[in-house]
């Protein structure tokens, strides 16, 4: 098992993973992703100032903004939507992504590697699946992580949209029972 697969397993995210952008289906995720594309235009990435909170105000509970620092590389939460904070059981605003490890071991490390990949790839990435969240219990989720750049080349922010849905116990166990 490779190092990242081990990290995913240790973070309790083995039923979650990358999704092709074309396979994303949640209307909120798709609307915000399409907004990112519209703001990008012909550039590789939009700038942070291209993101107008008024234009996407109804989706704010599902949004996050992360600051990307280089030399040394670090990721810091700058904005956390209410539904994101509720699902994780805490508002991480102002904290390093790695600080999540203090609440849910290895989850911050896994997210750090995922966000780092988004920053390096300089393109949106889709994510989804099911996992246990500290504040919301067992949930399924779908997300898009989108890079932003001040100079058009280096990722300076990562803009995310995530929609969570509680998975009722009966539904969860029905799914798990069908696999045995």
N, C-alpha and C. Protein backbone atom coordinates (compact mmCIF):
# COMPACT_ATOMS: atom_id res chain seq x y z
N UNK A 1 0.85 -1.18 0.00
CA UNK A 1 0.00 0.00 0.00
C UNK A 1 0.89 1.24 0.00
N UNK A 2 0.60 2.20 -0.90
CA UNK A 2 1.45 3.38 -0.94
C UNK A 2 1.18 4.29 0.26
N UNK A 3 2.05 5.26 0.43
CA UNK A 3 2.00 6.13 1.61
C UNK A 3 0.68 6.91 1.70
N UNK A 4 0.18 7.44 0.57
CA UNK A 4 -1.06 8.22 0.60
C UNK A 4 -2.25 7.32 0.90
N UNK A 5 -2.27 6.12 0.35
CA UNK A 5 -3.36 5.18 0.62
C UNK A 5 -3.40 4.83 2.11
N UNK A 6 -2.24 4.67 2.71
CA UNK A 6 -2.17 4.41 4.15
C UNK A 6 -2.71 5.60 4.93
N UNK A 7 -2.36 6.80 4.51
CA UNK A 7 -2.84 8.01 5.17
C UNK A 7 -4.37 8.11 5.07
N UNK A 8 -4.94 7.80 3.91
CA UNK A 8 -6.39 7.81 3.72
C UNK A 8 -7.05 6.82 4.68
N UNK A 9 -6.50 5.63 4.76
CA UNK A 9 -7.04 4.59 5.66
C UNK A 9 -6.97 5.05 7.11
N UNK A 10 -5.82 5.59 7.53
CA UNK A 10 -5.65 6.04 8.91
C UNK A 10 -6.55 7.22 9.25
N UNK A 11 -6.91 8.04 8.25
CA UNK A 11 -7.78 9.20 8.47
C UNK A 11 -9.25 8.81 8.50
N UNK A 12 -9.55 7.54 8.24
CA UNK A 12 -10.94 7.08 8.23
C UNK A 12 -11.67 7.49 6.97
N UNK A 13 -10.94 7.70 5.89
CA UNK A 13 -11.54 8.18 4.65
C UNK A 13 -11.46 7.16 3.52
N UNK A 14 -11.45 5.88 3.86
CA UNK A 14 -11.29 4.85 2.83
C UNK A 14 -12.48 4.76 1.88
N UNK A 15 -13.61 5.34 2.27
CA UNK A 15 -14.80 5.34 1.39
C UNK A 15 -14.98 6.70 0.71
N UNK A 16 -13.90 7.46 0.66
CA UNK A 16 -13.91 8.76 0.00
C UNK A 16 -12.70 8.83 -0.93
N UNK A 17 -12.77 9.71 -1.90
CA UNK A 17 -11.63 9.84 -2.79
C UNK A 17 -11.88 10.86 -3.89
N UNK A 18 -10.96 10.88 -4.83
CA UNK A 18 -11.04 11.81 -5.95
C UNK A 18 -12.20 11.44 -6.86
N UNK A 19 -12.79 12.46 -7.47
CA UNK A 19 -13.88 12.28 -8.43
C UNK A 19 -13.53 13.08 -9.68
N UNK A 20 -13.84 12.55 -10.83
CA UNK A 20 -13.69 13.32 -12.06
C UNK A 20 -14.67 14.48 -11.98
N UNK A 21 -14.24 15.65 -12.40
CA UNK A 21 -15.13 16.81 -12.34
C UNK A 21 -16.43 16.56 -13.11
N UNK A 22 -16.36 15.84 -14.21
CA UNK A 22 -17.56 15.56 -15.00
C UNK A 22 -18.53 14.62 -14.28
N UNK A 23 -18.04 13.92 -13.24
CA UNK A 23 -18.89 13.00 -12.48
C UNK A 23 -19.55 13.67 -11.27
N UNK A 24 -19.22 14.91 -10.98
CA UNK A 24 -19.84 15.62 -9.87
C UNK A 24 -21.30 15.89 -10.22
N UNK A 25 -22.20 15.75 -9.25
CA UNK A 25 -23.63 15.88 -9.54
C UNK A 25 -24.36 16.87 -8.64
N UNK A 26 -23.79 17.24 -7.50
CA UNK A 26 -24.51 18.12 -6.58
C UNK A 26 -24.68 19.50 -7.21
N UNK A 27 -25.91 20.02 -7.26
CA UNK A 27 -26.15 21.31 -7.90
C UNK A 27 -25.36 22.48 -7.30
N UNK A 28 -25.18 22.50 -5.99
CA UNK A 28 -24.41 23.57 -5.36
C UNK A 28 -22.95 23.48 -5.78
N UNK A 29 -22.38 22.29 -5.73
CA UNK A 29 -20.98 22.09 -6.13
C UNK A 29 -20.80 22.51 -7.59
N UNK A 30 -21.71 22.07 -8.45
CA UNK A 30 -21.61 22.40 -9.88
C UNK A 30 -21.76 23.90 -10.13
N UNK A 31 -22.66 24.55 -9.41
CA UNK A 31 -22.83 26.00 -9.60
C UNK A 31 -21.58 26.76 -9.21
N UNK A 32 -20.97 26.41 -8.08
CA UNK A 32 -19.76 27.10 -7.64
C UNK A 32 -18.59 26.77 -8.58
N UNK A 33 -18.48 25.53 -9.00
CA UNK A 33 -17.42 25.15 -9.95
C UNK A 33 -17.58 25.92 -11.26
N UNK A 34 -18.80 26.01 -11.76
CA UNK A 34 -19.04 26.77 -12.99
C UNK A 34 -18.74 28.26 -12.80
N UNK A 35 -19.02 28.78 -11.61
CA UNK A 35 -18.65 30.16 -11.28
C UNK A 35 -17.14 30.33 -11.37
N UNK A 36 -16.39 29.38 -10.82
CA UNK A 36 -14.92 29.43 -10.88
C UNK A 36 -14.47 29.47 -12.34
N UNK A 37 -15.03 28.60 -13.17
CA UNK A 37 -14.67 28.58 -14.60
C UNK A 37 -14.99 29.92 -15.26
N UNK A 38 -16.14 30.50 -14.94
CA UNK A 38 -16.52 31.78 -15.54
C UNK A 38 -15.55 32.89 -15.12
N UNK A 39 -15.14 32.88 -13.85
CA UNK A 39 -14.20 33.88 -13.36
C UNK A 39 -12.81 33.68 -13.95
N UNK A 40 -12.47 32.45 -14.23
CA UNK A 40 -11.16 32.14 -14.79
C UNK A 40 -11.02 32.69 -16.20
N UNK A 41 -12.07 32.55 -16.99
CA UNK A 41 -11.98 32.98 -18.39
C UNK A 41 -10.95 32.15 -19.13
N UNK A 42 -10.03 32.83 -19.80
CA UNK A 42 -9.00 32.13 -20.59
C UNK A 42 -7.71 31.92 -19.80
N UNK A 43 -7.69 32.38 -18.56
CA UNK A 43 -6.49 32.22 -17.73
C UNK A 43 -6.43 30.82 -17.13
N UNK A 44 -5.29 30.47 -16.60
CA UNK A 44 -5.14 29.18 -15.93
C UNK A 44 -5.98 29.10 -14.66
N UNK A 45 -6.00 30.21 -13.89
CA UNK A 45 -6.74 30.29 -12.63
C UNK A 45 -7.26 31.72 -12.46
N UNK A 46 -8.42 31.88 -11.83
CA UNK A 46 -8.85 33.24 -11.47
C UNK A 46 -8.00 33.76 -10.31
N UNK A 47 -8.08 35.07 -10.07
CA UNK A 47 -7.40 35.66 -8.93
C UNK A 47 -8.31 35.60 -7.71
N UNK A 48 -7.77 35.72 -6.51
CA UNK A 48 -8.65 35.77 -5.33
C UNK A 48 -9.66 36.92 -5.42
N UNK A 49 -9.26 38.05 -5.99
CA UNK A 49 -10.18 39.19 -6.07
C UNK A 49 -11.29 38.98 -7.10
N UNK A 50 -11.15 37.98 -7.97
CA UNK A 50 -12.22 37.65 -8.92
C UNK A 50 -13.41 36.98 -8.23
N UNK A 51 -13.19 36.44 -7.05
CA UNK A 51 -14.26 35.74 -6.33
C UNK A 51 -15.06 36.77 -5.54
N UNK A 52 -16.29 36.99 -5.97
CA UNK A 52 -17.17 38.00 -5.37
C UNK A 52 -18.13 37.32 -4.41
N UNK A 53 -17.97 37.53 -3.11
CA UNK A 53 -18.84 36.88 -2.13
C UNK A 53 -20.33 37.17 -2.36
N UNK A 54 -20.66 38.33 -2.90
CA UNK A 54 -22.07 38.66 -3.15
C UNK A 54 -22.65 37.74 -4.22
N UNK A 55 -21.85 37.43 -5.24
CA UNK A 55 -22.32 36.59 -6.35
C UNK A 55 -22.61 35.15 -5.90
N UNK A 56 -21.96 34.72 -4.84
CA UNK A 56 -22.14 33.33 -4.38
C UNK A 56 -22.62 33.28 -2.93
N UNK A 57 -23.24 34.35 -2.48
CA UNK A 57 -23.63 34.48 -1.06
C UNK A 57 -24.49 33.32 -0.57
N UNK A 58 -25.39 32.84 -1.39
CA UNK A 58 -26.29 31.76 -0.94
C UNK A 58 -25.55 30.46 -0.69
N UNK A 59 -24.33 30.35 -1.20
CA UNK A 59 -23.54 29.13 -1.02
C UNK A 59 -22.46 29.27 0.07
N UNK A 60 -22.39 30.43 0.71
CA UNK A 60 -21.35 30.67 1.72
C UNK A 60 -21.26 29.59 2.79
N UNK A 61 -22.38 29.01 3.27
CA UNK A 61 -22.25 27.96 4.29
C UNK A 61 -21.45 26.75 3.83
N UNK A 62 -21.31 26.56 2.53
CA UNK A 62 -20.61 25.40 1.98
C UNK A 62 -19.18 25.71 1.53
N UNK A 63 -18.72 26.94 1.72
CA UNK A 63 -17.44 27.37 1.15
C UNK A 63 -16.32 27.43 2.17
N UNK A 64 -15.12 27.26 1.66
CA UNK A 64 -13.90 27.50 2.44
C UNK A 64 -12.92 28.24 1.54
N UNK A 65 -12.02 28.99 2.18
CA UNK A 65 -10.91 29.61 1.48
C UNK A 65 -9.67 29.31 2.31
N UNK A 66 -8.66 28.78 1.62
CA UNK A 66 -7.40 28.47 2.28
C UNK A 66 -6.30 29.35 1.69
N UNK A 67 -5.43 29.82 2.54
CA UNK A 67 -4.26 30.57 2.11
C UNK A 67 -3.14 29.57 1.87
N UNK A 68 -2.45 29.74 0.75
CA UNK A 68 -1.32 28.88 0.41
C UNK A 68 -0.05 29.71 0.58
N UNK A 69 0.79 29.32 1.51
CA UNK A 69 2.08 29.97 1.71
C UNK A 69 3.17 29.08 1.13
N UNK A 70 4.18 29.72 0.57
CA UNK A 70 5.32 29.00 0.00
C UNK A 70 6.56 29.38 0.82
N UNK A 71 7.52 28.48 0.84
CA UNK A 71 8.82 28.74 1.50
C UNK A 71 8.66 29.09 2.97
N UNK A 72 8.31 28.24 3.85
CA UNK A 72 7.95 26.85 3.61
C UNK A 72 6.47 26.73 3.21
N UNK A 73 6.16 25.63 2.56
CA UNK A 73 4.80 25.40 2.11
C UNK A 73 3.91 25.18 3.33
N UNK A 74 2.79 25.92 3.38
CA UNK A 74 1.83 25.76 4.45
C UNK A 74 0.45 26.14 3.95
N UNK A 75 -0.57 25.63 4.58
CA UNK A 75 -1.96 25.90 4.22
C UNK A 75 -2.70 26.34 5.48
N UNK A 76 -3.39 27.48 5.38
CA UNK A 76 -4.10 28.03 6.53
C UNK A 76 -5.55 28.32 6.13
N UNK A 77 -6.48 27.90 6.98
CA UNK A 77 -7.89 28.18 6.73
C UNK A 77 -8.16 29.66 6.97
N UNK A 78 -8.74 30.34 5.98
CA UNK A 78 -9.07 31.76 6.11
C UNK A 78 -10.57 32.00 6.22
N UNK A 79 -11.36 31.14 5.61
CA UNK A 79 -12.81 31.27 5.68
C UNK A 79 -13.38 29.86 5.76
N UNK A 80 -14.30 29.67 6.69
CA UNK A 80 -14.95 28.36 6.85
C UNK A 80 -16.46 28.61 6.90
N UNK A 81 -17.17 28.05 5.95
CA UNK A 81 -18.63 28.17 5.96
C UNK A 81 -19.25 27.42 7.13
N UNK A 82 -20.42 27.88 7.52
CA UNK A 82 -21.11 27.33 8.69
C UNK A 82 -21.36 25.82 8.58
N UNK A 83 -21.79 25.34 7.43
CA UNK A 83 -22.07 23.91 7.28
C UNK A 83 -20.79 23.09 7.29
N UNK A 84 -19.71 23.65 6.78
CA UNK A 84 -18.41 22.96 6.83
C UNK A 84 -17.94 22.86 8.28
N UNK A 85 -18.01 23.97 9.00
CA UNK A 85 -17.59 23.97 10.41
C UNK A 85 -18.44 23.01 11.23
N UNK A 86 -19.75 23.01 11.00
CA UNK A 86 -20.64 22.12 11.74
C UNK A 86 -20.27 20.65 11.48
N UNK A 87 -20.04 20.31 10.23
CA UNK A 87 -19.71 18.92 9.89
C UNK A 87 -18.43 18.45 10.57
N UNK A 88 -17.46 19.35 10.65
CA UNK A 88 -16.18 18.99 11.28
C UNK A 88 -16.21 19.17 12.79
N UNK A 89 -17.25 19.82 13.30
CA UNK A 89 -17.37 19.99 14.74
C UNK A 89 -16.55 21.13 15.30
N UNK A 90 -15.93 21.93 14.41
CA UNK A 90 -15.10 23.06 14.86
C UNK A 90 -14.85 23.98 13.67
N UNK A 91 -14.67 25.26 13.97
CA UNK A 91 -14.30 26.22 12.94
C UNK A 91 -12.78 26.38 12.98
N UNK A 92 -12.12 25.96 11.92
CA UNK A 92 -10.65 25.98 11.88
C UNK A 92 -10.08 27.30 11.37
N UNK A 93 -10.90 28.33 11.23
CA UNK A 93 -10.42 29.61 10.70
C UNK A 93 -9.17 30.07 11.44
N UNK A 94 -8.15 30.41 10.65
CA UNK A 94 -6.89 30.89 11.21
C UNK A 94 -5.90 29.80 11.57
N UNK A 95 -6.31 28.55 11.45
CA UNK A 95 -5.43 27.43 11.82
C UNK A 95 -4.84 26.76 10.57
N UNK A 96 -3.73 26.13 10.77
CA UNK A 96 -3.11 25.32 9.72
C UNK A 96 -3.96 24.08 9.46
N UNK A 97 -3.97 23.64 8.22
CA UNK A 97 -4.70 22.41 7.88
C UNK A 97 -4.21 21.25 8.74
N UNK A 98 -2.93 21.21 9.02
CA UNK A 98 -2.38 20.12 9.83
C UNK A 98 -2.94 20.10 11.25
N UNK A 99 -3.51 21.22 11.71
CA UNK A 99 -4.08 21.28 13.06
C UNK A 99 -5.29 20.36 13.21
N UNK A 100 -5.91 19.98 12.10
CA UNK A 100 -7.06 19.06 12.17
C UNK A 100 -6.64 17.72 12.77
N UNK A 101 -5.37 17.37 12.61
CA UNK A 101 -4.88 16.11 13.20
C UNK A 101 -5.13 16.06 14.71
N UNK A 102 -5.19 17.23 15.35
CA UNK A 102 -5.44 17.27 16.79
C UNK A 102 -6.85 16.82 17.14
N UNK A 103 -7.79 16.99 16.21
CA UNK A 103 -9.17 16.59 16.45
C UNK A 103 -9.45 15.20 15.89
N UNK A 104 -8.98 14.95 14.68
CA UNK A 104 -9.19 13.65 14.04
C UNK A 104 -7.84 13.23 13.45
N UNK A 105 -7.13 12.34 14.13
CA UNK A 105 -5.79 11.96 13.70
C UNK A 105 -5.71 11.58 12.22
N UNK A 106 -4.72 12.13 11.57
CA UNK A 106 -4.36 11.89 10.17
C UNK A 106 -5.26 12.59 9.15
N UNK A 107 -6.42 13.11 9.56
CA UNK A 107 -7.29 13.79 8.60
C UNK A 107 -6.63 15.07 8.10
N UNK A 108 -6.03 15.86 8.98
CA UNK A 108 -5.33 17.07 8.56
C UNK A 108 -4.18 16.75 7.63
N UNK A 109 -3.44 15.70 7.94
CA UNK A 109 -2.31 15.30 7.08
C UNK A 109 -2.80 14.89 5.70
N UNK A 110 -3.91 14.14 5.66
CA UNK A 110 -4.47 13.72 4.37
C UNK A 110 -4.94 14.94 3.57
N UNK A 111 -5.68 15.85 4.23
CA UNK A 111 -6.16 17.05 3.54
C UNK A 111 -5.00 17.94 3.10
N UNK A 112 -3.96 18.03 3.90
CA UNK A 112 -2.78 18.81 3.54
C UNK A 112 -2.21 18.30 2.21
N UNK A 113 -2.06 16.98 2.08
CA UNK A 113 -1.52 16.41 0.85
C UNK A 113 -2.45 16.64 -0.33
N UNK A 114 -3.75 16.55 -0.09
CA UNK A 114 -4.73 16.79 -1.16
C UNK A 114 -4.70 18.25 -1.61
N UNK A 115 -4.74 19.19 -0.66
CA UNK A 115 -4.70 20.61 -1.01
C UNK A 115 -3.36 20.97 -1.65
N UNK A 116 -2.29 20.36 -1.19
CA UNK A 116 -0.98 20.61 -1.80
C UNK A 116 -1.00 20.18 -3.27
N UNK A 117 -1.64 19.05 -3.56
CA UNK A 117 -1.75 18.58 -4.95
C UNK A 117 -2.55 19.58 -5.79
N UNK A 118 -3.64 20.12 -5.23
CA UNK A 118 -4.43 21.12 -5.95
C UNK A 118 -3.55 22.34 -6.26
N UNK A 119 -2.79 22.78 -5.27
CA UNK A 119 -1.90 23.93 -5.47
C UNK A 119 -0.86 23.65 -6.56
N UNK A 120 -0.29 22.46 -6.56
CA UNK A 120 0.74 22.12 -7.54
C UNK A 120 0.16 21.86 -8.93
N UNK A 121 -1.01 21.23 -8.99
CA UNK A 121 -1.64 20.95 -10.28
C UNK A 121 -2.20 22.23 -10.93
N UNK A 122 -2.60 23.18 -10.10
CA UNK A 122 -3.16 24.45 -10.56
C UNK A 122 -4.42 24.25 -11.40
N UNK A 123 -5.24 23.29 -10.94
CA UNK A 123 -6.53 23.04 -11.61
C UNK A 123 -7.51 22.50 -10.58
N UNK A 124 -8.81 22.59 -10.85
CA UNK A 124 -9.79 22.09 -9.88
C UNK A 124 -9.72 20.57 -9.74
N UNK A 125 -10.10 20.11 -8.56
CA UNK A 125 -10.14 18.68 -8.26
C UNK A 125 -11.48 18.38 -7.60
N UNK A 126 -12.10 17.29 -8.02
CA UNK A 126 -13.34 16.84 -7.40
C UNK A 126 -13.06 15.77 -6.36
N UNK A 127 -13.85 15.77 -5.30
CA UNK A 127 -13.70 14.82 -4.21
C UNK A 127 -15.09 14.42 -3.74
N UNK A 128 -15.23 13.21 -3.24
CA UNK A 128 -16.51 12.79 -2.69
C UNK A 128 -16.42 11.43 -2.05
N UNK A 129 -17.53 11.05 -1.42
CA UNK A 129 -17.60 9.74 -0.78
C UNK A 129 -18.32 9.82 0.55
N UNK A 130 -17.97 8.88 1.42
CA UNK A 130 -18.58 8.80 2.76
C UNK A 130 -17.49 8.69 3.80
N UNK A 131 -17.74 9.30 4.96
CA UNK A 131 -16.84 9.15 6.09
C UNK A 131 -17.48 9.70 7.35
N UNK A 132 -16.86 9.42 8.47
CA UNK A 132 -17.32 9.90 9.77
C UNK A 132 -16.74 11.30 9.98
N UNK A 133 -17.61 12.25 10.29
CA UNK A 133 -17.18 13.61 10.58
C UNK A 133 -17.42 13.91 12.04
N UNK A 134 -16.50 14.64 12.67
CA UNK A 134 -16.55 14.89 14.11
C UNK A 134 -17.83 15.58 14.55
N UNK A 135 -18.36 16.49 13.75
CA UNK A 135 -19.53 17.23 14.17
C UNK A 135 -20.84 16.71 13.59
N UNK A 136 -20.77 16.02 12.46
CA UNK A 136 -21.98 15.62 11.78
C UNK A 136 -22.25 14.14 11.74
N UNK A 137 -21.35 13.35 12.28
CA UNK A 137 -21.52 11.90 12.23
C UNK A 137 -21.17 11.36 10.86
N UNK A 138 -21.74 10.22 10.53
CA UNK A 138 -21.43 9.56 9.26
C UNK A 138 -22.18 10.30 8.14
N UNK A 139 -21.42 10.79 7.16
CA UNK A 139 -22.01 11.61 6.11
C UNK A 139 -21.44 11.24 4.75
N UNK A 140 -22.23 11.51 3.71
CA UNK A 140 -21.62 11.50 2.39
C UNK A 140 -21.42 12.95 1.99
N UNK A 141 -20.50 13.17 1.08
CA UNK A 141 -20.17 14.54 0.70
C UNK A 141 -19.67 14.56 -0.73
N UNK A 142 -19.76 15.74 -1.31
CA UNK A 142 -19.19 15.99 -2.63
C UNK A 142 -18.57 17.38 -2.58
N UNK A 143 -17.43 17.53 -3.22
CA UNK A 143 -16.69 18.79 -3.14
C UNK A 143 -15.91 19.07 -4.41
N UNK A 144 -15.61 20.34 -4.59
CA UNK A 144 -14.66 20.77 -5.62
C UNK A 144 -13.66 21.70 -4.95
N UNK A 145 -12.39 21.47 -5.21
CA UNK A 145 -11.30 22.30 -4.68
C UNK A 145 -10.66 23.01 -5.85
N UNK A 146 -10.66 24.35 -5.81
CA UNK A 146 -10.28 25.16 -6.96
C UNK A 146 -9.17 26.15 -6.60
N UNK A 147 -8.08 26.17 -7.37
CA UNK A 147 -6.97 27.07 -7.07
C UNK A 147 -7.24 28.50 -7.54
N UNK A 148 -6.65 29.45 -6.84
CA UNK A 148 -6.68 30.86 -7.21
C UNK A 148 -5.24 31.37 -7.22
N UNK A 149 -4.97 32.35 -8.09
CA UNK A 149 -3.59 32.84 -8.23
C UNK A 149 -3.56 34.35 -8.41
N UNK A 150 -2.69 35.00 -7.69
CA UNK A 150 -2.52 36.44 -7.85
C UNK A 150 -1.77 36.75 -9.14
N UNK A 151 -0.72 35.96 -9.44
CA UNK A 151 0.11 36.24 -10.62
C UNK A 151 -0.22 35.37 -11.83
N UNK A 152 -1.18 34.48 -11.70
CA UNK A 152 -1.56 33.62 -12.82
C UNK A 152 -0.75 32.35 -12.94
N UNK A 153 0.26 32.20 -12.11
CA UNK A 153 1.13 31.02 -12.19
C UNK A 153 1.17 30.21 -10.90
N UNK A 154 1.35 30.89 -9.79
CA UNK A 154 1.50 30.21 -8.51
C UNK A 154 0.18 30.25 -7.75
N UNK A 155 -0.23 29.14 -7.19
CA UNK A 155 -1.47 29.08 -6.40
C UNK A 155 -1.25 29.81 -5.08
N UNK A 156 -2.12 30.80 -4.82
CA UNK A 156 -2.04 31.57 -3.58
C UNK A 156 -3.19 31.28 -2.62
N UNK A 157 -4.30 30.78 -3.16
CA UNK A 157 -5.47 30.42 -2.36
C UNK A 157 -6.09 29.17 -2.96
N UNK A 158 -6.83 28.45 -2.14
CA UNK A 158 -7.65 27.35 -2.63
C UNK A 158 -9.06 27.63 -2.14
N UNK A 159 -9.96 27.66 -3.09
CA UNK A 159 -11.37 27.98 -2.88
C UNK A 159 -12.11 26.65 -2.97
N UNK A 160 -12.91 26.32 -1.97
CA UNK A 160 -13.58 25.01 -1.98
C UNK A 160 -15.09 25.16 -1.75
N UNK A 161 -15.81 24.20 -2.27
CA UNK A 161 -17.24 24.06 -1.99
C UNK A 161 -17.48 22.60 -1.63
N UNK A 162 -18.15 22.38 -0.51
CA UNK A 162 -18.44 21.02 -0.05
C UNK A 162 -19.88 20.96 0.44
N UNK A 163 -20.60 19.95 -0.03
CA UNK A 163 -21.97 19.73 0.43
C UNK A 163 -22.01 18.37 1.12
N UNK A 164 -22.54 18.38 2.34
CA UNK A 164 -22.61 17.19 3.18
C UNK A 164 -24.05 16.72 3.30
N UNK A 165 -24.23 15.43 3.46
CA UNK A 165 -25.55 14.85 3.72
C UNK A 165 -25.39 13.75 4.76
N UNK A 166 -26.15 13.89 5.85
CA UNK A 166 -26.12 12.84 6.87
C UNK A 166 -26.63 11.54 6.25
N UNK A 167 -25.94 10.46 6.55
CA UNK A 167 -26.37 9.15 6.09
C UNK A 167 -27.10 8.49 7.27
N UNK A 168 -28.43 8.31 7.16
CA UNK A 168 -29.18 7.68 8.25
C UNK A 168 -28.60 6.30 8.57
N UNK A 169 -28.66 5.94 9.82
CA UNK A 169 -28.09 4.66 10.27
C UNK A 169 -28.63 3.49 9.46
N UNK A 170 -29.93 3.46 9.22
CA UNK A 170 -30.52 2.34 8.47
C UNK A 170 -29.95 2.26 7.06
N UNK A 171 -29.73 3.41 6.43
CA UNK A 171 -29.15 3.43 5.08
C UNK A 171 -27.70 2.96 5.10
N UNK A 172 -26.97 3.41 6.10
CA UNK A 172 -25.56 3.04 6.21
C UNK A 172 -25.41 1.53 6.40
N UNK A 173 -26.18 0.98 7.33
CA UNK A 173 -26.05 -0.44 7.61
C UNK A 173 -26.59 -1.30 6.48
N UNK A 174 -27.61 -0.82 5.79
CA UNK A 174 -28.13 -1.55 4.64
C UNK A 174 -27.04 -1.67 3.58
N UNK A 175 -26.33 -0.58 3.35
CA UNK A 175 -25.23 -0.58 2.39
C UNK A 175 -24.10 -1.50 2.83
N UNK A 176 -23.74 -1.43 4.13
CA UNK A 176 -22.66 -2.26 4.64
C UNK A 176 -23.05 -3.74 4.66
N UNK A 177 -24.31 -4.04 4.99
CA UNK A 177 -24.76 -5.43 5.06
C UNK A 177 -24.80 -6.08 3.67
N UNK A 178 -25.07 -5.26 2.64
CA UNK A 178 -25.14 -5.83 1.30
C UNK A 178 -23.77 -6.25 0.79
N UNK A 179 -22.71 -5.76 1.42
CA UNK A 179 -21.37 -6.11 0.96
C UNK A 179 -20.80 -7.34 1.67
N UNK A 180 -21.56 -7.91 2.61
CA UNK A 180 -21.05 -9.13 3.28
C UNK A 180 -21.92 -10.33 3.00
